[in-house]
Amino acid sequence: MIKHCVFLNLAEEAEFELLMDAYEMIGEVLDDIDGVYDFAAGPNRDFEGKSPAYETGFVITFVNKDALDAYAQHPKHAEAGEILTSLCFNGAAGILVFDLDVGDGDEEIVVEGA
């Protein structure tokens, strides 16, 4: 499984309604894609005080990289990405993405270099 984690450093003038529109578009994309486990979006509470610049984000769990690729290539993904980029401080530079390979739940996670 792949956890696609996206964190947004919103510009001061970012409009909440546009953010919600982009999140809704992402949900619509996921309705068209096989291999999606879940999608969750929300504010960053930053309880440890380590990421205050990233006010919000979302996580999508895909069954594999093929499902993630289908999502990435979907035209509505590009449209939602344009909206998110326009809302972020310094555009695309204000978006942080992690694609975590979390296995299938039955395999041992190996960290290279550890």
PDB file of N, CA and C in Angstrom:
ATOM      1  N   MET A   1       0.840  -1.178   0.000  1.00  0.00           N
ATOM      2  CA  MET A   1       0.000   0.000   0.000  1.00  0.00           C
ATOM      3  C   MET A   1       0.884   1.240   0.000  1.00  0.00           C
ATOM      4  N   ILE A   2       0.348   2.290  -0.603  1.00  0.00           N
ATOM      5  CA  ILE A   2       1.030   3.578  -0.654  1.00  0.00           C
ATOM      6  C   ILE A   2       0.169   4.605   0.065  1.00  0.00           C
ATOM      7  N   LYS A   3       0.760   5.307   1.015  1.00  0.00           N
ATOM      8  CA  LYS A   3       0.100   6.435   1.679  1.00  0.00           C
ATOM      9  C   LYS A   3       0.619   7.702   1.004  1.00  0.00           C
ATOM     10  N   HIS A   4      -0.238   8.347   0.243  1.00  0.00           N
ATOM     11  CA  HIS A   4       0.096   9.587  -0.457  1.00  0.00           C
ATOM     12  C   HIS A   4      -0.280  10.727   0.488  1.00  0.00           C
ATOM     13  N   CYS A   5       0.738  11.379   1.063  1.00  0.00           N
ATOM     14  CA  CYS A   5       0.539  12.405   2.086  1.00  0.00           C
ATOM     15  C   CYS A   5       0.920  13.762   1.510  1.00  0.00           C
ATOM     16  N   VAL A   6      -0.005  14.707   1.554  1.00  0.00           N
ATOM     17  CA  VAL A   6       0.205  16.023   0.966  1.00  0.00           C
ATOM     18  C   VAL A   6      -0.075  17.078   2.034  1.00  0.00           C
ATOM     19  N   PHE A   7       0.885  17.992   2.214  1.00  0.00           N
ATOM     20  CA  PHE A   7       0.773  19.028   3.224  1.00  0.00           C
ATOM     21  C   PHE A   7       0.899  20.391   2.559  1.00  0.00           C
ATOM     22  N   LEU A   8       0.053  21.339   2.963  1.00  0.00           N
ATOM     23  CA  LEU A   8      -0.056  22.621   2.280  1.00  0.00           C
ATOM     24  C   LEU A   8       0.313  23.789   3.186  1.00  0.00           C
ATOM     25  N   ASN A   9       1.233  24.620   2.697  1.00  0.00           N
ATOM     26  CA  ASN A   9       1.606  25.863   3.350  1.00  0.00           C
ATOM     27  C   ASN A   9       0.802  26.957   2.654  1.00  0.00           C
ATOM     28  N   LEU A  10      -0.358  27.263   3.206  1.00  0.00           N
ATOM     29  CA  LEU A  10      -1.281  28.180   2.551  1.00  0.00           C
ATOM     30  C   LEU A  10      -0.800  29.628   2.622  1.00  0.00           C
ATOM     31  N   ALA A  11      -1.026  30.352   1.545  1.00  0.00           N
ATOM     32  CA  ALA A  11      -0.746  31.783   1.521  1.00  0.00           C
ATOM     33  C   ALA A  11      -1.779  32.487   2.406  1.00  0.00           C
ATOM     34  N   GLU A  12      -1.420  33.655   2.910  1.00  0.00           N
ATOM     35  CA  GLU A  12      -2.333  34.391   3.783  1.00  0.00           C
ATOM     36  C   GLU A  12      -3.669  34.672   3.120  1.00  0.00           C
ATOM     37  N   GLU A  13      -3.641  34.921   1.808  1.00  0.00           N
ATOM     38  CA  GLU A  13      -4.865  35.276   1.094  1.00  0.00           C
ATOM     39  C   GLU A  13      -5.637  34.060   0.566  1.00  0.00           C
ATOM     40  N   ALA A  14      -5.215  32.857   0.910  1.00  0.00           N
ATOM     41  CA  ALA A  14      -5.880  31.643   0.424  1.00  0.00           C
ATOM     42  C   ALA A  14      -7.345  31.619   0.856  1.00  0.00           C
ATOM     43  N   GLU A  15      -8.205  31.287  -0.078  1.00  0.00           N
ATOM     44  CA  GLU A  15      -9.640  31.233   0.194  1.00  0.00           C
ATOM     45  C   GLU A  15     -10.054  29.819   0.597  1.00  0.00           C
ATOM     46  N   PHE A  16     -10.663  29.717   1.764  1.00  0.00           N
ATOM     47  CA  PHE A  16     -11.091  28.436   2.304  1.00  0.00           C
ATOM     48  C   PHE A  16     -12.028  27.711   1.348  1.00  0.00           C
ATOM     49  N   GLU A  17     -12.921  28.433   0.697  1.00  0.00           N
ATOM     50  CA  GLU A  17     -13.874  27.803  -0.221  1.00  0.00           C
ATOM     51  C   GLU A  17     -13.165  27.142  -1.399  1.00  0.00           C
ATOM     52  N   LEU A  18     -12.116  27.766  -1.901  1.00  0.00           N
ATOM     53  CA  LEU A  18     -11.351  27.155  -3.002  1.00  0.00           C
ATOM     54  C   LEU A  18     -10.631  25.897  -2.522  1.00  0.00           C
ATOM     55  N   LEU A  19     -10.133  25.920  -1.297  1.00  0.00           N
ATOM     56  CA  LEU A  19      -9.492  24.728  -0.734  1.00  0.00           C
ATOM     57  C   LEU A  19     -10.491  23.583  -0.666  1.00  0.00           C
ATOM     58  N   MET A  20     -11.696  23.868  -0.201  1.00  0.00           N
ATOM     59  CA  MET A  20     -12.737  22.841  -0.106  1.00  0.00           C
ATOM     60  C   MET A  20     -13.135  22.346  -1.496  1.00  0.00           C
ATOM     61  N   ASP A  21     -13.169  23.248  -2.480  1.00  0.00           N
ATOM     62  CA  ASP A  21     -13.448  22.838  -3.859  1.00  0.00           C
ATOM     63  C   ASP A  21     -12.392  21.855  -4.353  1.00  0.00           C
ATOM     64  N   ALA A  22     -11.125  22.154  -4.070  1.00  0.00           N
ATOM     65  CA  ALA A  22     -10.040  21.267  -4.512  1.00  0.00           C
ATOM     66  C   ALA A  22     -10.147  19.908  -3.827  1.00  0.00           C
ATOM     67  N   TYR A  23     -10.432  19.900  -2.542  1.00  0.00           N
ATOM     68  CA  TYR A  23     -10.584  18.628  -1.828  1.00  0.00           C
ATOM     69  C   TYR A  23     -11.761  17.828  -2.404  1.00  0.00           C
ATOM     70  N   GLU A  24     -12.837  18.516  -2.747  1.00  0.00           N
ATOM     71  CA  GLU A  24     -13.988  17.837  -3.344  1.00  0.00           C
ATOM     72  C   GLU A  24     -13.611  17.231  -4.695  1.00  0.00           C
ATOM     73  N   MET A  25     -12.845  17.970  -5.503  1.00  0.00           N
ATOM     74  CA  MET A  25     -12.378  17.442  -6.793  1.00  0.00           C
ATOM     75  C   MET A  25     -11.543  16.191  -6.597  1.00  0.00           C
ATOM     76  N   ILE A  26     -10.674  16.210  -5.609  1.00  0.00           N
ATOM     77  CA  ILE A  26      -9.846  15.035  -5.340  1.00  0.00           C
ATOM     78  C   ILE A  26     -10.736  13.845  -5.017  1.00  0.00           C
ATOM     79  N   GLY A  27     -11.759  14.057  -4.209  1.00  0.00           N
ATOM     80  CA  GLY A  27     -12.709  12.986  -3.908  1.00  0.00           C
ATOM     81  C   GLY A  27     -13.383  12.448  -5.153  1.00  0.00           C
ATOM     82  N   GLU A  28     -13.719  13.341  -6.088  1.00  0.00           N
ATOM     83  CA  GLU A  28     -14.333  12.916  -7.352  1.00  0.00           C
ATOM     84  C   GLU A  28     -13.361  12.082  -8.186  1.00  0.00           C
ATOM     85  N   VAL A  29     -12.100  12.478  -8.202  1.00  0.00           N
ATOM     86  CA  VAL A  29     -11.079  11.694  -8.913  1.00  0.00           C
ATOM     87  C   VAL A  29     -11.021  10.294  -8.324  1.00  0.00           C
ATOM     88  N   LEU A  30     -11.005  10.215  -7.014  1.00  0.00           N
ATOM     89  CA  LEU A  30     -10.868   8.918  -6.347  1.00  0.00           C
ATOM     90  C   LEU A  30     -12.046   8.006  -6.626  1.00  0.00           C
ATOM     91  N   ASP A  31     -13.220   8.592  -6.878  1.00  0.00           N
ATOM     92  CA  ASP A  31     -14.387   7.783  -7.244  1.00  0.00           C
ATOM     93  C   ASP A  31     -14.165   7.064  -8.577  1.00  0.00           C
ATOM     94  N   ASP A  32     -13.293   7.615  -9.427  1.00  0.00           N
ATOM     95  CA  ASP A  32     -13.011   7.036 -10.748  1.00  0.00           C
ATOM     96  C   ASP A  32     -11.851   6.043 -10.753  1.00  0.00           C
ATOM     97  N   ILE A  33     -11.159   5.901  -9.628  1.00  0.00           N
ATOM     98  CA  ILE A  33      -9.924   5.115  -9.583  1.00  0.00           C
ATOM     99  C   ILE A  33     -10.149   3.822  -8.795  1.00  0.00           C
ATOM    100  N   ASP A  34      -9.728   2.702  -9.366  1.00  0.00           N
ATOM    101  CA  ASP A  34      -9.718   1.438  -8.623  1.00  0.00           C
ATOM    102  C   ASP A  34      -8.478   1.407  -7.736  1.00  0.00           C
ATOM    103  N   GLY A  35      -8.590   0.804  -6.579  1.00  0.00           N
ATOM    104  CA  GLY A  35      -7.435   0.638  -5.715  1.00  0.00           C
ATOM    105  C   GLY A  35      -7.231   1.755  -4.711  1.00  0.00           C
ATOM    106  N   VAL A  36      -8.326   2.458  -4.358  1.00  0.00           N
ATOM    107  CA  VAL A  36      -8.258   3.502  -3.340  1.00  0.00           C
ATOM    108  C   VAL A  36      -8.879   2.954  -2.061  1.00  0.00           C
ATOM    109  N   TYR A  37      -8.122   2.996  -0.960  1.00  0.00           N
ATOM    110  CA  TYR A  37      -8.647   2.535   0.328  1.00  0.00           C
ATOM    111  C   TYR A  37      -9.368   3.647   1.070  1.00  0.00           C
ATOM    112  N   ASP A  38      -8.717   4.810   1.173  1.00  0.00           N
ATOM    113  CA  ASP A  38      -9.338   5.892   1.919  1.00  0.00           C
ATOM    114  C   ASP A  38      -8.740   7.235   1.538  1.00  0.00           C
ATOM    115  N   PHE A  39      -9.454   8.272   1.943  1.00  0.00           N
ATOM    116  CA  PHE A  39      -9.046   9.654   1.714  1.00  0.00           C
ATOM    117  C   PHE A  39      -9.504  10.454   2.921  1.00  0.00           C
ATOM    118  N   ALA A  40      -8.575  11.187   3.520  1.00  0.00           N
ATOM    119  CA  ALA A  40      -8.912  12.041   4.658  1.00  0.00           C
ATOM    120  C   ALA A  40      -8.174  13.358   4.514  1.00  0.00           C
ATOM    121  N   ALA A  41      -8.871  14.446   4.804  1.00  0.00           N
ATOM    122  CA  ALA A  41      -8.274  15.783   4.749  1.00  0.00           C
ATOM    123  C   ALA A  41      -8.672  16.534   6.004  1.00  0.00           C
ATOM    124  N   GLY A  42      -7.804  17.459   6.414  1.00  0.00           N
ATOM    125  CA  GLY A  42      -8.146  18.258   7.582  1.00  0.00           C
ATOM    126  C   GLY A  42      -7.037  19.204   7.970  1.00  0.00           C
ATOM    127  N   PRO A  43      -7.309  19.976   9.019  1.00  0.00           N
ATOM    128  CA  PRO A  43      -6.315  20.928   9.494  1.00  0.00           C
ATOM    129  C   PRO A  43      -5.185  20.229  10.240  1.00  0.00           C
ATOM    130  N   ASN A  44      -4.005  20.821  10.168  1.00  0.00           N
ATOM    131  CA  ASN A  44      -2.854  20.331  10.913  1.00  0.00           C
ATOM    132  C   ASN A  44      -2.916  20.906  12.325  1.00  0.00           C
ATOM    133  N   ARG A  45      -3.068  20.073  13.307  1.00  0.00           N
ATOM    134  CA  ARG A  45      -3.116  20.525  14.699  1.00  0.00           C
ATOM    135  C   ARG A  45      -1.704  20.736  15.261  1.00  0.00           C
ATOM    136  N   ASP A  46      -0.682  20.145  14.653  1.00  0.00           N
ATOM    137  CA  ASP A  46       0.726  20.362  15.009  1.00  0.00           C
ATOM    138  C   ASP A  46       0.967  20.279  16.518  1.00  0.00           C
ATOM    139  N   PHE A  47       0.522  19.213  17.135  1.00  0.00           N
ATOM    140  CA  PHE A  47       0.643  19.057  18.578  1.00  0.00           C
ATOM    141  C   PHE A  47       2.087  19.066  19.069  1.00  0.00           C
ATOM    142  N   GLU A  48       3.038  18.681  18.205  1.00  0.00           N
ATOM    143  CA  GLU A  48       4.451  18.672  18.602  1.00  0.00           C
ATOM    144  C   GLU A  48       5.184  19.955  18.222  1.00  0.00           C
ATOM    145  N   GLY A  49       4.507  20.867  17.553  1.00  0.00           N
ATOM    146  CA  GLY A  49       5.111  22.139  17.191  1.00  0.00           C
ATOM    147  C   GLY A  49       6.223  22.023  16.162  1.00  0.00           C
ATOM    148  N   LYS A  50       6.111  21.075  15.242  1.00  0.00           N
ATOM    149  CA  LYS A  50       7.169  20.846  14.268  1.00  0.00           C
ATOM    150  C   LYS A  50       6.807  21.253  12.841  1.00  0.00           C
ATOM    151  N   SER A  51       5.541  21.584  12.603  1.00  0.00           N
ATOM    152  CA  SER A  51       5.135  21.880  11.227  1.00  0.00           C
ATOM    153  C   SER A  51       4.091  22.999  11.150  1.00  0.00           C
ATOM    154  N   PRO A  52       4.313  24.114  11.849  1.00  0.00           N
ATOM    155  CA  PRO A  52       3.291  25.154  11.878  1.00  0.00           C
ATOM    156  C   PRO A  52       3.013  25.803  10.521  1.00  0.00           C
ATOM    157  N   ALA A  53       3.949  25.758   9.595  1.00  0.00           N
ATOM    158  CA  ALA A  53       3.747  26.392   8.287  1.00  0.00           C
ATOM    159  C   ALA A  53       2.738  25.636   7.428  1.00  0.00           C
ATOM    160  N   TYR A  54       2.518  24.376   7.723  1.00  0.00           N
ATOM    161  CA  TYR A  54       1.627  23.545   6.911  1.00  0.00           C
ATOM    162  C   TYR A  54       0.282  23.423   7.630  1.00  0.00           C
ATOM    163  N   GLU A  55      -0.644  24.291   7.244  1.00  0.00           N
ATOM    164  CA  GLU A  55      -1.902  24.436   7.970  1.00  0.00           C
ATOM    165  C   GLU A  55      -2.907  23.325   7.720  1.00  0.00           C
ATOM    166  N   THR A  56      -2.776  22.632   6.601  1.00  0.00           N
ATOM    167  CA  THR A  56      -3.762  21.627   6.235  1.00  0.00           C
ATOM    168  C   THR A  56      -3.105  20.583   5.331  1.00  0.00           C
ATOM    169  N   GLY A  57      -3.809  19.517   5.103  1.00  0.00           N
ATOM    170  CA  GLY A  57      -3.291  18.491   4.203  1.00  0.00           C
ATOM    171  C   GLY A  57      -4.260  17.345   4.052  1.00  0.00           C
ATOM    172  N   PHE A  58      -3.811  16.356   3.300  1.00  0.00           N
ATOM    173  CA  PHE A  58      -4.645  15.174   3.108  1.00  0.00           C
ATOM    174  C   PHE A  58      -3.775  13.945   2.901  1.00  0.00           C
ATOM    175  N   VAL A  59      -4.393  12.800   3.133  1.00  0.00           N
ATOM    176  CA  VAL A  59      -3.737  11.505   2.964  1.00  0.00           C
ATOM    177  C   VAL A  59      -4.690  10.605   2.181  1.00  0.00           C
ATOM    178  N   ILE A  60      -4.131   9.953   1.152  1.00  0.00           N
ATOM    179  CA  ILE A  60      -4.894   8.971   0.374  1.00  0.00           C
ATOM    180  C   ILE A  60      -4.129   7.659   0.449  1.00  0.00           C
ATOM    181  N   THR A  61      -4.821   6.574   0.714  1.00  0.00           N
ATOM    182  CA  THR A  61      -4.196   5.258   0.720  1.00  0.00           C
ATOM    183  C   THR A  61      -4.566   4.528  -0.560  1.00  0.00           C
ATOM    184  N   PHE A  62      -3.537   4.151  -1.323  1.00  0.00           N
ATOM    185  CA  PHE A  62      -3.707   3.417  -2.578  1.00  0.00           C
ATOM    186  C   PHE A  62      -3.224   1.989  -2.396  1.00  0.00           C
ATOM    187  N   VAL A  63      -3.839   1.062  -3.113  1.00  0.00           N
ATOM    188  CA  VAL A  63      -3.452  -0.342  -3.021  1.00  0.00           C
ATOM    189  C   VAL A  63      -2.032  -0.558  -3.546  1.00  0.00           C
ATOM    190  N   ASN A  64      -1.623   0.246  -4.534  1.00  0.00           N
ATOM    191  CA  ASN A  64      -0.276   0.101  -5.106  1.00  0.00           C
ATOM    192  C   ASN A  64       0.078   1.350  -5.917  1.00  0.00           C
ATOM    193  N   LYS A  65       1.267   1.353  -6.473  1.00  0.00           N
ATOM    194  CA  LYS A  65       1.729   2.505  -7.251  1.00  0.00           C
ATOM    195  C   LYS A  65       0.906   2.685  -8.519  1.00  0.00           C
ATOM    196  N   ASP A  66       0.411   1.617  -9.103  1.00  0.00           N
ATOM    197  CA  ASP A  66      -0.422   1.744 -10.298  1.00  0.00           C
ATOM    198  C   ASP A  66      -1.667   2.590 -10.012  1.00  0.00           C
ATOM    199  N   ALA A  67      -2.286   2.375  -8.866  1.00  0.00           N
ATOM    200  CA  ALA A  67      -3.456   3.171  -8.492  1.00  0.00           C
ATOM    201  C   ALA A  67      -3.063   4.627  -8.265  1.00  0.00           C
ATOM    202  N   LEU A  68      -1.922   4.858  -7.620  1.00  0.00           N
ATOM    203  CA  LEU A  68      -1.417   6.218  -7.428  1.00  0.00           C
ATOM    204  C   LEU A  68      -1.151   6.885  -8.776  1.00  0.00           C
ATOM    205  N   ASP A  69      -0.565   6.147  -9.700  1.00  0.00           N
ATOM    206  CA  ASP A  69      -0.289   6.686 -11.035  1.00  0.00           C
ATOM    207  C   ASP A  69      -1.578   7.048 -11.770  1.00  0.00           C
ATOM    208  N   ALA A  70      -2.605   6.206 -11.635  1.00  0.00           N
ATOM    209  CA  ALA A  70      -3.899   6.498 -12.267  1.00  0.00           C
ATOM    210  C   ALA A  70      -4.476   7.793 -11.706  1.00  0.00           C
ATOM    211  N   TYR A  71      -4.350   7.978 -10.412  1.00  0.00           N
ATOM    212  CA  TYR A  71      -4.789   9.216  -9.765  1.00  0.00           C
ATOM    213  C   TYR A  71      -3.993  10.403 -10.305  1.00  0.00           C
ATOM    214  N   ALA A  72      -2.692  10.277 -10.362  1.00  0.00           N
ATOM    215  CA  ALA A  72      -1.818  11.375 -10.787  1.00  0.00           C
ATOM    216  C   ALA A  72      -2.082  11.788 -12.231  1.00  0.00           C
ATOM    217  N   GLN A  73      -2.517  10.850 -13.065  1.00  0.00           N
ATOM    218  CA  GLN A  73      -2.732  11.130 -14.486  1.00  0.00           C
ATOM    219  C   GLN A  73      -4.159  11.588 -14.803  1.00  0.00           C
ATOM    220  N   HIS A  74      -5.031  11.552 -13.831  1.00  0.00           N
ATOM    221  CA  HIS A  74      -6.427  11.933 -14.047  1.00  0.00           C
ATOM    222  C   HIS A  74      -6.515  13.446 -14.295  1.00  0.00           C
ATOM    223  N   PRO A  75      -7.279  13.874 -15.300  1.00  0.00           N
ATOM    224  CA  PRO A  75      -7.376  15.312 -15.616  1.00  0.00           C
ATOM    225  C   PRO A  75      -7.877  16.169 -14.445  1.00  0.00           C
ATOM    226  N   LYS A  76      -8.792  15.639 -13.653  1.00  0.00           N
ATOM    227  CA  LYS A  76      -9.289  16.411 -12.507  1.00  0.00           C
ATOM    228  C   LYS A  76      -8.230  16.555 -11.422  1.00  0.00           C
ATOM    229  N   HIS A  77      -7.281  15.612 -11.359  1.00  0.00           N
ATOM    230  CA  HIS A  77      -6.165  15.748 -10.417  1.00  0.00           C
ATOM    231  C   HIS A  77      -5.359  16.982 -10.786  1.00  0.00           C
ATOM    232  N   ALA A  78      -5.110  17.165 -12.083  1.00  0.00           N
ATOM    233  CA  ALA A  78      -4.358  18.336 -12.542  1.00  0.00           C
ATOM    234  C   ALA A  78      -5.114  19.618 -12.207  1.00  0.00           C
ATOM    235  N   GLU A  79      -6.413  19.600 -12.376  1.00  0.00           N
ATOM    236  CA  GLU A  79      -7.241  20.774 -12.075  1.00  0.00           C
ATOM    237  C   GLU A  79      -7.195  21.104 -10.582  1.00  0.00           C
ATOM    238  N   ALA A  80      -7.351  20.080  -9.746  1.00  0.00           N
ATOM    239  CA  ALA A  80      -7.275  20.288  -8.295  1.00  0.00           C
ATOM    240  C   ALA A  80      -5.881  20.765  -7.906  1.00  0.00           C
ATOM    241  N   GLY A  81      -4.856  20.199  -8.545  1.00  0.00           N
ATOM    242  CA  GLY A  81      -3.480  20.611  -8.262  1.00  0.00           C
ATOM    243  C   GLY A  81      -3.235  22.073  -8.586  1.00  0.00           C
ATOM    244  N   GLU A  82      -3.827  22.543  -9.665  1.00  0.00           N
ATOM    245  CA  GLU A  82      -3.694  23.964 -10.022  1.00  0.00           C
ATOM    246  C   GLU A  82      -4.316  24.857  -8.953  1.00  0.00           C
ATOM    247  N   ILE A  83      -5.463  24.454  -8.449  1.00  0.00           N
ATOM    248  CA  ILE A  83      -6.113  25.232  -7.389  1.00  0.00           C
ATOM    249  C   ILE A  83      -5.242  25.236  -6.141  1.00  0.00           C
ATOM    250  N   LEU A  84      -4.772  24.045  -5.738  1.00  0.00           N
ATOM    251  CA  LEU A  84      -3.947  23.967  -4.528  1.00  0.00           C
ATOM    252  C   LEU A  84      -2.676  24.791  -4.682  1.00  0.00           C
ATOM    253  N   THR A  85      -2.058  24.721  -5.845  1.00  0.00           N
ATOM    254  CA  THR A  85      -0.841  25.499  -6.093  1.00  0.00           C
ATOM    255  C   THR A  85      -1.124  26.993  -5.964  1.00  0.00           C
ATOM    256  N   SER A  86      -2.274  27.429  -6.472  1.00  0.00           N
ATOM    257  CA  SER A  86      -2.616  28.852  -6.404  1.00  0.00           C
ATOM    258  C   SER A  86      -2.872  29.315  -4.974  1.00  0.00           C
ATOM    259  N   LEU A  87      -3.218  28.400  -4.086  1.00  0.00           N
ATOM    260  CA  LEU A  87      -3.526  28.746  -2.697  1.00  0.00           C
ATOM    261  C   LEU A  87      -2.306  28.741  -1.789  1.00  0.00           C
ATOM    262  N   CYS A  88      -1.205  28.162  -2.259  1.00  0.00           N
ATOM    263  CA  CYS A  88      -0.047  27.966  -1.398  1.00  0.00           C
ATOM    264  C   CYS A  88       0.984  29.071  -1.517  1.00  0.00           C
ATOM    265  N   PHE A  89       1.647  29.326  -0.418  1.00  0.00           N
ATOM    266  CA  PHE A  89       2.760  30.265  -0.363  1.00  0.00           C
ATOM    267  C   PHE A  89       3.847  29.775  -1.316  1.00  0.00           C
ATOM    268  N   ASN A  90       4.267  30.614  -2.237  1.00  0.00           N
ATOM    269  CA  ASN A  90       5.267  30.256  -3.258  1.00  0.00           C
ATOM    270  C   ASN A  90       4.779  29.154  -4.197  1.00  0.00           C
ATOM    271  N   GLY A  91       3.487  29.050  -4.406  1.00  0.00           N
ATOM    272  CA  GLY A  91       2.950  28.097  -5.372  1.00  0.00           C
ATOM    273  C   GLY A  91       3.294  26.659  -5.038  1.00  0.00           C
ATOM    274  N   ALA A  92       3.801  25.938  -6.019  1.00  0.00           N
ATOM    275  CA  ALA A  92       4.110  24.515  -5.842  1.00  0.00           C
ATOM    276  C   ALA A  92       5.147  24.277  -4.746  1.00  0.00           C
ATOM    277  N   ALA A  93       5.998  25.267  -4.492  1.00  0.00           N
ATOM    278  CA  ALA A  93       7.001  25.119  -3.430  1.00  0.00           C
ATOM    279  C   ALA A  93       6.354  25.049  -2.048  1.00  0.00           C
ATOM    280  N   GLY A  94       5.099  25.466  -1.949  1.00  0.00           N
ATOM    281  CA  GLY A  94       4.379  25.402  -0.681  1.00  0.00           C
ATOM    282  C   GLY A  94       3.633  24.096  -0.461  1.00  0.00           C
ATOM    283  N   ILE A  95       3.900  23.118  -1.314  1.00  0.00           N
ATOM    284  CA  ILE A  95       3.257  21.805  -1.198  1.00  0.00           C
ATOM    285  C   ILE A  95       4.319  20.756  -0.912  1.00  0.00           C
ATOM    286  N   LEU A  96       4.129  20.034   0.164  1.00  0.00           N
ATOM    287  CA  LEU A  96       5.062  18.979   0.569  1.00  0.00           C
ATOM    288  C   LEU A  96       4.361  17.635   0.379  1.00  0.00           C
ATOM    289  N   VAL A  97       5.020  16.712  -0.325  1.00  0.00           N
ATOM    290  CA  VAL A  97       4.411  15.411  -0.630  1.00  0.00           C
ATOM    291  C   VAL A  97       5.321  14.283  -0.156  1.00  0.00           C
ATOM    292  N   PHE A  98       4.728  13.310   0.513  1.00  0.00           N
ATOM    293  CA  PHE A  98       5.408  12.071   0.878  1.00  0.00           C
ATOM    294  C   PHE A  98       4.573  10.918   0.326  1.00  0.00           C
ATOM    295  N   ASP A  99       5.219   9.961  -0.321  1.00  0.00           N
ATOM    296  CA  ASP A  99       4.564   8.735  -0.758  1.00  0.00           C
ATOM    297  C   ASP A  99       5.195   7.595   0.025  1.00  0.00           C
ATOM    298  N   LEU A 100       4.523   7.170   1.068  1.00  0.00           N
ATOM    299  CA  LEU A 100       5.059   6.164   1.980  1.00  0.00           C
ATOM    300  C   LEU A 100       4.613   4.772   1.556  1.00  0.00           C
ATOM    301  N   ASP A 101       5.574   3.880   1.381  1.00  0.00           N
ATOM    302  CA  ASP A 101       5.281   2.482   1.075  1.00  0.00           C
ATOM    303  C   ASP A 101       5.100   1.777   2.405  1.00  0.00           C
ATOM    304  N   VAL A 102       3.861   1.473   2.743  1.00  0.00           N
ATOM    305  CA  VAL A 102       3.566   0.866   4.039  1.00  0.00           C
ATOM    306  C   VAL A 102       3.292  -0.629   3.932  1.00  0.00           C
ATOM    307  N   GLY A 103       3.642  -1.220   2.792  1.00  0.00           N
ATOM    308  CA  GLY A 103       3.456  -2.654   2.619  1.00  0.00           C
ATOM    309  C   GLY A 103       1.987  -3.017   2.575  1.00  0.00           C
ATOM    310  N   ASP A 104       1.719  -4.304   2.734  1.00  0.00           N
ATOM    311  CA  ASP A 104       0.330  -4.758   2.704  1.00  0.00           C
ATOM    312  C   ASP A 104      -0.185  -5.129   4.089  1.00  0.00           C
ATOM    313  N   GLY A 105       0.581  -4.783   5.097  1.00  0.00           N
ATOM    314  CA  GLY A 105       0.177  -5.091   6.458  1.00  0.00           C
ATOM    315  C   GLY A 105       0.736  -6.387   6.973  1.00  0.00           C
ATOM    316  N   ASP A 106       1.197  -7.272   6.064  1.00  0.00           N
ATOM    317  CA  ASP A 106       1.707  -8.568   6.482  1.00  0.00           C
ATOM    318  C   ASP A 106       3.228  -8.671   6.336  1.00  0.00           C
ATOM    319  N   GLU A 107       3.839  -7.637   5.771  1.00  0.00           N
ATOM    320  CA  GLU A 107       5.264  -7.729   5.529  1.00  0.00           C
ATOM    321  C   GLU A 107       6.039  -6.805   6.459  1.00  0.00           C
ATOM    322  N   GLU A 108       7.279  -7.151   6.670  1.00  0.00           N
ATOM    323  CA  GLU A 108       8.156  -6.353   7.516  1.00  0.00           C
ATOM    324  C   GLU A 108       8.622  -5.129   6.737  1.00  0.00           C
ATOM    325  N   ILE A 109       8.605  -3.984   7.402  1.00  0.00           N
ATOM    326  CA  ILE A 109       9.089  -2.755   6.787  1.00  0.00           C
ATOM    327  C   ILE A 109      10.606  -2.696   6.978  1.00  0.00           C
ATOM    328  N   VAL A 110      11.339  -2.517   5.889  1.00  0.00           N
ATOM    329  CA  VAL A 110      12.795  -2.441   5.939  1.00  0.00           C
ATOM    330  C   VAL A 110      13.197  -1.000   5.614  1.00  0.00           C
ATOM    331  N   VAL A 111      13.984  -0.394   6.490  1.00  0.00           N
ATOM    332  CA  VAL A 111      14.471   0.952   6.262  1.00  0.00           C
ATOM    333  C   VAL A 111      15.910   0.836   5.806  1.00  0.00           C
ATOM    334  N   GLU A 112      16.147   1.207   4.536  1.00  0.00           N
ATOM    335  CA  GLU A 112      17.496   1.110   3.999  1.00  0.00           C
ATOM    336  C   GLU A 112      18.398   2.121   4.680  1.00  0.00           C
ATOM    337  N   GLY A 113      19.607   1.705   4.960  1.00  0.00           N
ATOM    338  CA  GLY A 113      20.579   2.564   5.604  1.00  0.00           C
ATOM    339  C   GLY A 113      20.483   2.572   7.113  1.00  0.00           C
ATOM    340  N   ALA A 114      19.506   1.857   7.644  1.00  0.00           N
ATOM    341  CA  ALA A 114      19.347   1.844   9.115  1.00  0.00           C
ATOM    342  C   ALA A 114      20.156   0.731   9.721  1.00  0.00           C
TER     343      ALA A 114
END
